[in-house]
Amino acid sequence: MANTRGAARQRRTTTYISGTAARQLSTERSRRVSRDERLQVHKNRERAFYMNLPYLLFLTASMVVAGIVLCSYIQLRSEVTNQVKRISALQQEYNEIKLANDEEYARITRSINLEEIKATAIGEYGMHYAKDGQIVIAEDTRQDYVYQVADLPEDK
């Protein structure tokens, strides 16, 4: 199998010549370039490398603007990264405080005994349940509290 690959490669790379003399191959290198073409190529190259003062100032100004834009972009990215880190730290602090608050609330609600509060209110402070006719419904003011500016009427 190795011999068949080598033979195939040799057939592809070997050039056969028929006859007794070798042919003249035409290549780009052997072509003579005329004097006018050489001058035109030389002029084109000079124009390509020629920079006048306004063009040089334009290139300098564009490089300065590009530098300012890139520095501003880098600064903004840095600020965004710092803000994201700060937000993450504040969220973590918020979660810790919320967890502590929830634990304290659960501890307080577990420690409240409503029967004990009722017994203290009735026994020590002389409180009692409201009777019919003692409850007065005030009109809704859409606020959290209601002011009593006068005594409530007795007959109702």
Protein backbone atom coordinates (compact mmCIF):
# COMPACT_ATOMS: atom_id res chain seq x y z
CA MET A 1 0.00 0.00 0.00
CA ALA A 2 2.89 2.37 0.75
CA ASN A 3 4.28 1.67 -2.72
CA THR A 4 1.00 2.66 -4.40
CA ARG A 5 0.91 5.98 -2.53
CA GLY A 6 4.49 6.76 -3.44
CA ALA A 7 3.86 5.90 -7.08
CA ALA A 8 0.74 8.09 -7.17
CA ARG A 9 2.66 10.99 -5.65
CA GLN A 10 5.48 10.54 -8.13
CA ARG A 11 3.00 10.58 -11.04
CA ARG A 12 1.50 13.85 -9.81
CA THR A 13 4.81 15.65 -9.26
CA THR A 14 6.79 14.35 -12.22
CA THR A 15 6.61 16.34 -15.45
CA TYR A 16 6.98 14.36 -18.66
CA ILE A 17 8.57 15.90 -21.71
CA SER A 18 7.83 14.56 -25.12
CA GLY A 19 10.50 14.99 -27.75
CA THR A 20 14.20 15.66 -27.39
CA ALA A 21 14.16 19.34 -26.43
CA ALA A 22 12.59 20.97 -23.43
CA ARG A 23 9.81 23.48 -24.04
CA GLN A 24 10.18 27.15 -23.18
CA LEU A 25 7.79 27.92 -20.36
CA SER A 26 6.29 31.39 -20.34
CA THR A 27 6.36 32.94 -16.88
CA GLU A 28 5.53 36.35 -15.50
CA ARG A 29 9.14 36.92 -14.48
CA SER A 30 10.53 36.51 -17.92
CA ARG A 31 8.23 39.22 -19.31
CA ARG A 32 10.02 42.52 -19.81
CA VAL A 33 8.39 45.52 -18.16
CA SER A 34 8.44 48.62 -20.31
CA ARG A 35 9.99 51.85 -19.08
CA ASP A 36 6.59 53.65 -19.06
CA GLU A 37 5.04 50.96 -16.90
CA ARG A 38 7.93 51.19 -14.45
CA LEU A 39 7.53 54.97 -14.21
CA GLN A 40 3.79 54.65 -13.68
CA VAL A 41 4.31 52.09 -10.91
CA HIS A 42 6.93 54.36 -9.30
CA LYS A 43 4.54 57.35 -9.40
CA ASN A 44 1.72 55.29 -7.94
CA ARG A 45 3.92 54.16 -5.06
CA GLU A 46 5.01 57.75 -4.36
CA ARG A 47 1.39 58.91 -4.29
CA ALA A 48 0.49 56.08 -1.92
CA PHE A 49 3.18 57.09 0.58
CA TYR A 50 2.82 60.84 0.23
CA MET A 51 1.17 62.58 3.18
CA ASN A 52 0.55 66.30 3.16
CA LEU A 53 0.01 68.42 6.31
CA PRO A 54 -3.84 68.47 6.29
CA TYR A 55 -3.95 64.69 5.87
CA LEU A 56 -1.43 64.26 8.68
CA LEU A 57 -3.49 66.58 10.94
CA PHE A 58 -6.66 64.64 10.08
CA LEU A 59 -4.99 61.34 11.00
CA THR A 60 -3.65 62.82 14.25
CA ALA A 61 -7.05 64.25 15.20
CA SER A 62 -8.80 60.97 14.42
CA MET A 63 -6.28 59.07 16.55
CA VAL A 64 -6.84 61.50 19.45
CA VAL A 65 -10.62 61.15 19.16
CA ALA A 66 -10.33 57.36 18.99
CA GLY A 67 -8.09 57.40 22.09
CA ILE A 68 -10.54 59.58 24.02
CA VAL A 69 -13.47 57.36 23.04
CA LEU A 70 -11.61 54.20 24.06
CA CYS A 71 -10.53 55.69 27.41
CA SER A 72 -14.12 56.79 28.08
CA TYR A 73 -15.38 53.32 27.20
CA ILE A 74 -12.87 51.67 29.54
CA GLN A 75 -13.81 54.09 32.33
CA LEU A 76 -17.53 53.39 31.86
CA ARG A 77 -16.95 49.63 31.88
CA SER A 78 -14.96 50.01 35.10
CA GLU A 79 -17.77 52.02 36.70
CA VAL A 80 -20.35 49.44 35.63
CA THR A 81 -18.23 46.65 37.08
CA ASN A 82 -17.83 48.54 40.37
CA GLN A 83 -21.58 49.24 40.54
CA VAL A 84 -22.36 45.56 39.95
CA LYS A 85 -19.99 44.60 42.76
CA ARG A 86 -21.56 47.21 45.06
CA ILE A 87 -25.08 46.02 44.22
CA SER A 88 -24.05 42.45 44.92
CA ALA A 89 -22.61 43.42 48.30
CA LEU A 90 -25.76 45.40 49.20
CA GLN A 91 -28.00 42.49 48.17
CA GLN A 92 -26.00 40.15 50.35
CA GLU A 93 -26.26 42.60 53.28
CA TYR A 94 -30.02 42.96 52.64
CA ASN A 95 -30.50 39.19 52.66
CA GLU A 96 -28.57 38.87 55.94
CA ILE A 97 -30.61 41.65 57.59
CA LYS A 98 -33.87 40.21 56.27
CA LEU A 99 -32.98 36.77 57.61
CA ALA A 100 -32.13 38.24 61.03
CA ASN A 101 -35.39 40.23 61.00
CA ASP A 102 -37.44 37.15 60.07
CA GLU A 103 -35.79 35.15 62.86
CA GLU A 104 -36.50 37.92 65.41
CA TYR A 105 -40.12 38.21 64.23
CA ALA A 106 -40.58 34.45 64.57
CA ARG A 107 -39.06 34.55 68.07
CA ILE A 108 -41.40 37.38 69.12
CA THR A 109 -44.51 35.71 67.69
CA ARG A 110 -43.61 32.47 69.46
CA SER A 111 -43.24 34.29 72.78
CA ILE A 112 -46.69 35.94 72.63
CA ASN A 113 -49.36 34.19 74.66
CA LEU A 114 -52.76 35.70 73.86
CA GLU A 115 -54.47 34.06 76.84
CA GLU A 116 -51.98 35.64 79.22
CA ILE A 117 -52.51 39.07 77.62
CA LYS A 118 -56.30 38.68 77.95
CA ALA A 119 -56.01 37.68 81.59
CA THR A 120 -53.74 40.63 82.38
CA ALA A 121 -55.99 43.12 80.54
CA ILE A 122 -59.15 41.93 82.32
CA GLY A 123 -57.61 41.26 85.73
CA GLU A 124 -55.09 44.05 86.22
CA TYR A 125 -56.44 46.86 84.02
CA GLY A 126 -60.17 46.26 84.41
CA MET A 127 -60.85 46.01 80.72
CA HIS A 128 -63.93 44.22 79.42
CA TYR A 129 -65.49 43.35 76.07
CA ALA A 130 -67.56 46.02 74.29
CA LYS A 131 -71.31 45.72 74.56
CA ASP A 132 -73.84 46.32 71.82
CA GLY A 133 -74.21 50.04 71.09
CA GLN A 134 -70.70 50.92 72.30
CA ILE A 135 -69.08 50.39 68.92
CA VAL A 136 -69.06 53.51 66.72
CA ILE A 137 -68.04 53.24 63.11
CA ALA A 138 -66.21 56.33 61.82
CA GLU A 139 -66.32 57.29 58.16
CA ASP A 140 -63.41 56.21 56.03
CA THR A 141 -60.83 59.00 55.60
CA ARG A 142 -58.28 56.85 53.77
CA GLN A 143 -55.70 57.65 56.43
CA ASP A 144 -53.99 55.53 59.02
CA TYR A 145 -55.66 57.28 61.95
CA VAL A 146 -58.81 59.18 62.97
CA TYR A 147 -58.93 62.29 65.21
CA GLN A 148 -61.72 62.65 67.78
CA VAL A 149 -62.51 66.37 67.97
CA ALA A 150 -65.74 66.14 69.97
CA ASP A 151 -67.54 63.74 72.27
CA LEU A 152 -69.57 61.06 70.58
CA PRO A 153 -73.34 61.36 70.94
CA GLU A 154 -74.85 59.06 73.55
CA ASP A 155 -78.06 58.30 71.69
CA LYS A 156 -77.54 56.30 68.64
